[in-house]
Amino acid sequence: RGGMVRLLVLVGAATSLLCRLCDALTNVTLPPPDGSGGLYVIDVQDTYPANWSDVDRLYISAGHYKYMRIGNLPDRCGDNQKPLVITNLGGQVRVGGLGHYYIMGISGGCNW
């Protein structure tokens, strides 16, 4: 009986690890605001290596950002291309109102 419990714990731990690995392969999470209070990722595909054709979601970490610049999003323009969902993670994402000369820019690709 003790062996069965240990086996179930090992199987559960392996499943949890595989789920986190799978999530890491299909989702990318951007960091919270940096020391300057913003997020500047001019080339998201180069900065966060992933198979971007398989990435389902781009998460933006919760926080109040002075500015946000995300560039080189993947091209999802063809027929039967699934969209890239850009959404928050861990709470509200606020951008602006902190005296920066621009607030937000998102560019590249399509179907996001």
N, C-alpha and C. Protein backbone atom coordinates (compact mmCIF):
# COMPACT_ATOMS: atom_id res chain seq x y z
N ARG A 1 0.81 -1.19 0.00
CA ARG A 1 0.00 0.00 0.00
C ARG A 1 0.86 1.26 0.00
N GLY A 2 1.92 1.30 0.77
CA GLY A 2 2.81 2.45 0.80
C GLY A 2 3.49 2.65 -0.55
N GLY A 3 3.79 1.54 -1.24
CA GLY A 3 4.41 1.64 -2.56
C GLY A 3 3.46 2.26 -3.57
N MET A 4 2.19 1.94 -3.46
CA MET A 4 1.19 2.49 -4.37
C MET A 4 1.05 4.00 -4.17
N VAL A 5 1.08 4.46 -2.92
CA VAL A 5 0.98 5.88 -2.63
C VAL A 5 2.18 6.62 -3.22
N ARG A 6 3.40 6.04 -3.03
CA ARG A 6 4.61 6.66 -3.59
C ARG A 6 4.53 6.73 -5.11
N LEU A 7 4.01 5.68 -5.73
CA LEU A 7 3.88 5.64 -7.17
C LEU A 7 2.92 6.74 -7.65
N LEU A 8 1.80 6.89 -6.94
CA LEU A 8 0.83 7.93 -7.31
C LEU A 8 1.42 9.32 -7.15
N VAL A 9 2.22 9.53 -6.10
CA VAL A 9 2.85 10.83 -5.90
C VAL A 9 3.83 11.10 -7.03
N LEU A 10 4.62 10.11 -7.42
CA LEU A 10 5.57 10.27 -8.53
C LEU A 10 4.86 10.56 -9.84
N VAL A 11 3.78 9.83 -10.10
CA VAL A 11 3.00 10.06 -11.32
C VAL A 11 2.41 11.46 -11.30
N GLY A 12 1.89 11.89 -10.15
CA GLY A 12 1.33 13.23 -10.03
C GLY A 12 2.38 14.31 -10.25
N ALA A 13 3.57 14.12 -9.68
CA ALA A 13 4.65 15.10 -9.85
C ALA A 13 5.10 15.15 -11.31
N ALA A 14 5.20 14.00 -11.97
CA ALA A 14 5.61 13.96 -13.37
C ALA A 14 4.56 14.64 -14.24
N THR A 15 3.30 14.41 -13.96
CA THR A 15 2.21 15.04 -14.72
C THR A 15 2.26 16.55 -14.55
N SER A 16 2.49 17.02 -13.32
CA SER A 16 2.57 18.46 -13.05
C SER A 16 3.74 19.08 -13.82
N LEU A 17 4.88 18.40 -13.83
CA LEU A 17 6.04 18.89 -14.56
C LEU A 17 5.76 18.95 -16.05
N LEU A 18 5.12 17.93 -16.59
CA LEU A 18 4.78 17.91 -18.01
C LEU A 18 3.79 19.02 -18.36
N CYS A 19 2.83 19.27 -17.48
CA CYS A 19 1.86 20.35 -17.74
C CYS A 19 2.55 21.70 -17.76
N ARG A 20 3.50 21.93 -16.82
CA ARG A 20 4.23 23.20 -16.81
C ARG A 20 5.10 23.32 -18.06
N LEU A 21 5.73 22.22 -18.48
CA LEU A 21 6.55 22.24 -19.68
C LEU A 21 5.70 22.53 -20.90
N CYS A 22 4.55 21.88 -21.00
CA CYS A 22 3.64 22.10 -22.12
C CYS A 22 3.18 23.56 -22.13
N ASP A 23 2.86 24.12 -20.97
CA ASP A 23 2.44 25.51 -20.88
C ASP A 23 3.55 26.44 -21.35
N ALA A 24 4.80 26.12 -20.96
CA ALA A 24 5.93 26.94 -21.37
C ALA A 24 6.14 26.89 -22.88
N LEU A 25 5.76 25.80 -23.51
CA LEU A 25 5.94 25.67 -24.96
C LEU A 25 4.84 26.37 -25.74
N THR A 26 3.67 26.54 -25.16
CA THR A 26 2.55 27.12 -25.90
C THR A 26 2.16 28.52 -25.42
N ASN A 27 2.84 29.03 -24.39
CA ASN A 27 2.55 30.36 -23.87
C ASN A 27 3.86 31.08 -23.55
N VAL A 28 3.87 32.38 -23.72
CA VAL A 28 5.02 33.20 -23.37
C VAL A 28 4.54 34.28 -22.41
N THR A 29 5.28 34.49 -21.31
CA THR A 29 4.92 35.50 -20.32
C THR A 29 5.97 36.59 -20.31
N LEU A 30 5.54 37.83 -20.52
CA LEU A 30 6.43 38.98 -20.46
C LEU A 30 6.57 39.41 -19.00
N PRO A 31 7.70 40.01 -18.64
CA PRO A 31 7.95 40.37 -17.24
C PRO A 31 7.15 41.61 -16.82
N PRO A 32 7.08 41.85 -15.50
CA PRO A 32 6.44 43.07 -15.01
C PRO A 32 7.30 44.28 -15.36
N PRO A 33 6.82 45.49 -15.06
CA PRO A 33 7.59 46.70 -15.41
C PRO A 33 9.03 46.62 -14.90
N ASP A 34 9.97 47.11 -15.74
CA ASP A 34 11.39 47.09 -15.36
C ASP A 34 11.71 48.28 -14.46
N GLY A 35 12.99 48.51 -14.20
CA GLY A 35 13.42 49.59 -13.30
C GLY A 35 12.99 50.97 -13.75
N SER A 36 12.79 51.14 -15.06
CA SER A 36 12.34 52.44 -15.57
C SER A 36 10.81 52.55 -15.53
N GLY A 37 10.14 51.47 -15.13
CA GLY A 37 8.69 51.48 -15.02
C GLY A 37 7.97 51.03 -16.28
N GLY A 38 8.72 50.56 -17.26
CA GLY A 38 8.09 50.18 -18.51
C GLY A 38 8.43 48.78 -18.98
N LEU A 39 7.94 48.48 -20.15
CA LEU A 39 8.23 47.21 -20.82
C LEU A 39 8.61 47.56 -22.25
N TYR A 40 9.84 47.22 -22.63
CA TYR A 40 10.33 47.53 -23.97
C TYR A 40 10.91 46.26 -24.56
N VAL A 41 10.15 45.64 -25.46
CA VAL A 41 10.57 44.42 -26.13
C VAL A 41 10.39 44.67 -27.63
N ILE A 42 11.42 45.18 -28.27
CA ILE A 42 11.31 45.57 -29.67
C ILE A 42 11.17 44.36 -30.59
N ASP A 43 11.73 43.20 -30.19
CA ASP A 43 11.63 41.98 -30.99
C ASP A 43 11.27 40.82 -30.07
N VAL A 44 9.99 40.62 -29.86
CA VAL A 44 9.52 39.61 -28.92
C VAL A 44 9.93 38.20 -29.34
N GLN A 45 9.98 37.94 -30.64
CA GLN A 45 10.34 36.59 -31.10
C GLN A 45 11.81 36.28 -30.85
N ASP A 46 12.66 37.29 -30.94
CA ASP A 46 14.09 37.08 -30.69
C ASP A 46 14.37 37.05 -29.19
N THR A 47 13.69 37.89 -28.44
CA THR A 47 13.92 38.00 -27.00
C THR A 47 13.40 36.77 -26.25
N TYR A 48 12.30 36.21 -26.71
CA TYR A 48 11.70 35.04 -26.07
C TYR A 48 11.62 33.90 -27.08
N PRO A 49 12.72 33.15 -27.24
CA PRO A 49 12.74 32.06 -28.22
C PRO A 49 11.65 31.02 -27.91
N ALA A 50 10.85 30.77 -28.89
CA ALA A 50 9.77 29.78 -28.79
C ALA A 50 9.37 29.43 -30.21
N ASN A 51 8.63 28.38 -30.37
CA ASN A 51 8.07 28.09 -31.69
C ASN A 51 6.81 28.95 -31.79
N TRP A 52 6.97 30.15 -32.30
CA TRP A 52 5.90 31.14 -32.27
C TRP A 52 4.68 30.73 -33.08
N SER A 53 4.82 29.78 -33.98
CA SER A 53 3.64 29.30 -34.71
C SER A 53 2.76 28.44 -33.81
N ASP A 54 3.33 27.93 -32.70
CA ASP A 54 2.57 27.11 -31.75
C ASP A 54 2.14 27.87 -30.50
N VAL A 55 2.68 29.05 -30.30
CA VAL A 55 2.34 29.81 -29.09
C VAL A 55 0.88 30.25 -29.18
N ASP A 56 0.12 29.92 -28.14
CA ASP A 56 -1.30 30.27 -28.09
C ASP A 56 -1.55 31.64 -27.46
N ARG A 57 -0.79 31.93 -26.39
CA ARG A 57 -1.05 33.15 -25.62
C ARG A 57 0.25 33.87 -25.29
N LEU A 58 0.16 35.19 -25.35
CA LEU A 58 1.23 36.06 -24.89
C LEU A 58 0.68 36.77 -23.65
N TYR A 59 1.25 36.44 -22.51
CA TYR A 59 0.79 37.02 -21.25
C TYR A 59 1.59 38.26 -20.91
N ILE A 60 0.91 39.29 -20.47
CA ILE A 60 1.54 40.50 -19.96
C ILE A 60 1.32 40.50 -18.45
N SER A 61 2.42 40.51 -17.70
CA SER A 61 2.34 40.45 -16.25
C SER A 61 1.65 41.69 -15.68
N ALA A 62 0.90 41.46 -14.62
CA ALA A 62 0.15 42.54 -13.97
C ALA A 62 1.09 43.65 -13.51
N GLY A 63 0.61 44.87 -13.56
CA GLY A 63 1.37 46.00 -13.07
C GLY A 63 0.93 47.29 -13.72
N HIS A 64 1.48 48.38 -13.22
CA HIS A 64 1.22 49.70 -13.80
C HIS A 64 2.49 50.09 -14.56
N TYR A 65 2.37 50.13 -15.87
CA TYR A 65 3.51 50.39 -16.75
C TYR A 65 3.52 51.86 -17.16
N LYS A 66 4.68 52.47 -17.10
CA LYS A 66 4.86 53.84 -17.59
C LYS A 66 4.67 53.87 -19.10
N TYR A 67 5.19 52.85 -19.76
CA TYR A 67 5.07 52.70 -21.21
C TYR A 67 5.18 51.22 -21.55
N MET A 68 4.77 50.87 -22.75
CA MET A 68 4.86 49.48 -23.20
C MET A 68 5.13 49.49 -24.70
N ARG A 69 6.14 48.75 -25.10
CA ARG A 69 6.47 48.60 -26.53
C ARG A 69 6.76 47.13 -26.79
N ILE A 70 5.93 46.50 -27.60
CA ILE A 70 6.09 45.09 -27.97
C ILE A 70 6.12 45.04 -29.48
N GLY A 71 7.22 44.55 -30.04
CA GLY A 71 7.38 44.52 -31.49
C GLY A 71 7.69 43.14 -32.03
N ASN A 72 7.56 43.00 -33.33
CA ASN A 72 7.81 41.77 -34.07
C ASN A 72 6.93 40.60 -33.58
N LEU A 73 5.66 40.89 -33.42
CA LEU A 73 4.73 39.81 -33.11
C LEU A 73 4.64 38.87 -34.31
N PRO A 74 4.29 37.61 -34.10
CA PRO A 74 4.30 36.65 -35.20
C PRO A 74 3.21 36.91 -36.24
N ASP A 75 3.50 36.49 -37.44
CA ASP A 75 2.59 36.61 -38.57
C ASP A 75 1.61 35.43 -38.54
N ARG A 76 0.34 35.72 -38.35
CA ARG A 76 -0.70 34.69 -38.33
C ARG A 76 -1.75 35.02 -39.39
N CYS A 77 -1.31 35.53 -40.54
CA CYS A 77 -2.23 36.07 -41.55
C CYS A 77 -2.85 35.02 -42.47
N GLY A 78 -2.25 33.85 -42.60
CA GLY A 78 -2.74 32.87 -43.57
C GLY A 78 -4.06 32.22 -43.20
N ASP A 79 -4.62 31.50 -44.15
CA ASP A 79 -5.85 30.75 -43.90
C ASP A 79 -5.60 29.71 -42.81
N ASN A 80 -6.60 29.49 -41.99
CA ASN A 80 -6.56 28.49 -40.93
C ASN A 80 -5.47 28.76 -39.89
N GLN A 81 -5.04 30.01 -39.76
CA GLN A 81 -4.06 30.37 -38.73
C GLN A 81 -4.82 30.72 -37.45
N LYS A 82 -4.41 30.14 -36.35
CA LYS A 82 -5.05 30.49 -35.08
C LYS A 82 -4.49 31.82 -34.60
N PRO A 83 -5.33 32.64 -33.99
CA PRO A 83 -4.86 33.95 -33.53
C PRO A 83 -3.95 33.81 -32.31
N LEU A 84 -3.08 34.79 -32.13
CA LEU A 84 -2.29 34.90 -30.92
C LEU A 84 -3.11 35.74 -29.94
N VAL A 85 -3.42 35.18 -28.80
CA VAL A 85 -4.21 35.88 -27.79
C VAL A 85 -3.23 36.61 -26.86
N ILE A 86 -3.41 37.91 -26.74
CA ILE A 86 -2.59 38.72 -25.84
C ILE A 86 -3.48 39.09 -24.66
N THR A 87 -3.06 38.72 -23.45
CA THR A 87 -3.90 38.93 -22.28
C THR A 87 -3.05 39.17 -21.04
N ASN A 88 -3.71 39.58 -19.97
CA ASN A 88 -3.01 39.84 -18.71
C ASN A 88 -2.82 38.55 -17.91
N LEU A 89 -1.89 38.63 -16.95
CA LEU A 89 -1.63 37.50 -16.06
C LEU A 89 -1.35 38.03 -14.65
N GLY A 90 -2.12 37.58 -13.70
CA GLY A 90 -1.86 37.93 -12.30
C GLY A 90 -2.53 39.21 -11.83
N GLY A 91 -3.40 39.78 -12.62
CA GLY A 91 -4.08 41.00 -12.20
C GLY A 91 -4.16 42.01 -13.33
N GLN A 92 -4.53 43.20 -12.98
CA GLN A 92 -4.77 44.26 -13.96
C GLN A 92 -3.45 44.78 -14.54
N VAL A 93 -3.48 45.06 -15.84
CA VAL A 93 -2.37 45.72 -16.53
C VAL A 93 -2.82 47.14 -16.86
N ARG A 94 -2.10 48.13 -16.34
CA ARG A 94 -2.39 49.53 -16.62
C ARG A 94 -1.18 50.13 -17.33
N VAL A 95 -1.44 50.95 -18.34
CA VAL A 95 -0.37 51.58 -19.09
C VAL A 95 -0.65 53.07 -19.18
N GLY A 96 0.36 53.88 -18.83
CA GLY A 96 0.25 55.33 -18.98
C GLY A 96 -0.06 56.05 -17.70
N GLY A 97 -0.16 57.38 -17.86
CA GLY A 97 -0.48 58.23 -16.72
C GLY A 97 0.70 58.47 -15.79
N LEU A 98 1.91 58.13 -16.25
CA LEU A 98 3.09 58.27 -15.40
C LEU A 98 4.15 59.18 -16.03
N GLY A 99 3.71 60.01 -16.99
CA GLY A 99 4.58 61.04 -17.53
C GLY A 99 5.62 60.61 -18.55
N HIS A 100 5.36 59.55 -19.31
CA HIS A 100 6.29 59.16 -20.37
C HIS A 100 5.82 59.77 -21.69
N TYR A 101 6.76 60.00 -22.61
CA TYR A 101 6.40 60.69 -23.87
C TYR A 101 5.60 59.84 -24.84
N TYR A 102 5.56 58.54 -24.67
CA TYR A 102 4.60 57.71 -25.41
C TYR A 102 4.06 56.68 -24.44
N ILE A 103 2.93 56.12 -24.77
CA ILE A 103 2.28 55.20 -23.85
C ILE A 103 2.42 53.75 -24.28
N MET A 104 2.01 53.46 -25.52
CA MET A 104 1.95 52.05 -25.89
C MET A 104 2.12 51.89 -27.40
N GLY A 105 2.87 50.87 -27.77
CA GLY A 105 3.01 50.51 -29.18
C GLY A 105 3.13 49.00 -29.29
N ILE A 106 2.29 48.42 -30.14
CA ILE A 106 2.34 46.98 -30.40
C ILE A 106 2.38 46.82 -31.90
N SER A 107 3.34 46.03 -32.41
CA SER A 107 3.49 45.94 -33.87
C SER A 107 3.97 44.56 -34.29
N GLY A 108 3.82 44.33 -35.60
CA GLY A 108 4.28 43.10 -36.21
C GLY A 108 3.13 42.15 -36.48
N GLY A 109 3.35 41.26 -37.43
CA GLY A 109 2.39 40.20 -37.72
C GLY A 109 0.97 40.67 -37.91
N CYS A 110 0.06 39.76 -37.68
CA CYS A 110 -1.37 40.05 -37.76
C CYS A 110 -2.13 38.91 -37.07
N ASN A 111 -3.42 39.12 -36.93
CA ASN A 111 -4.32 38.14 -36.31
C ASN A 111 -3.98 37.93 -34.83
N TRP A 112 -3.86 39.04 -34.14
CA TRP A 112 -3.66 39.00 -32.70
C TRP A 112 -4.59 39.99 -32.05
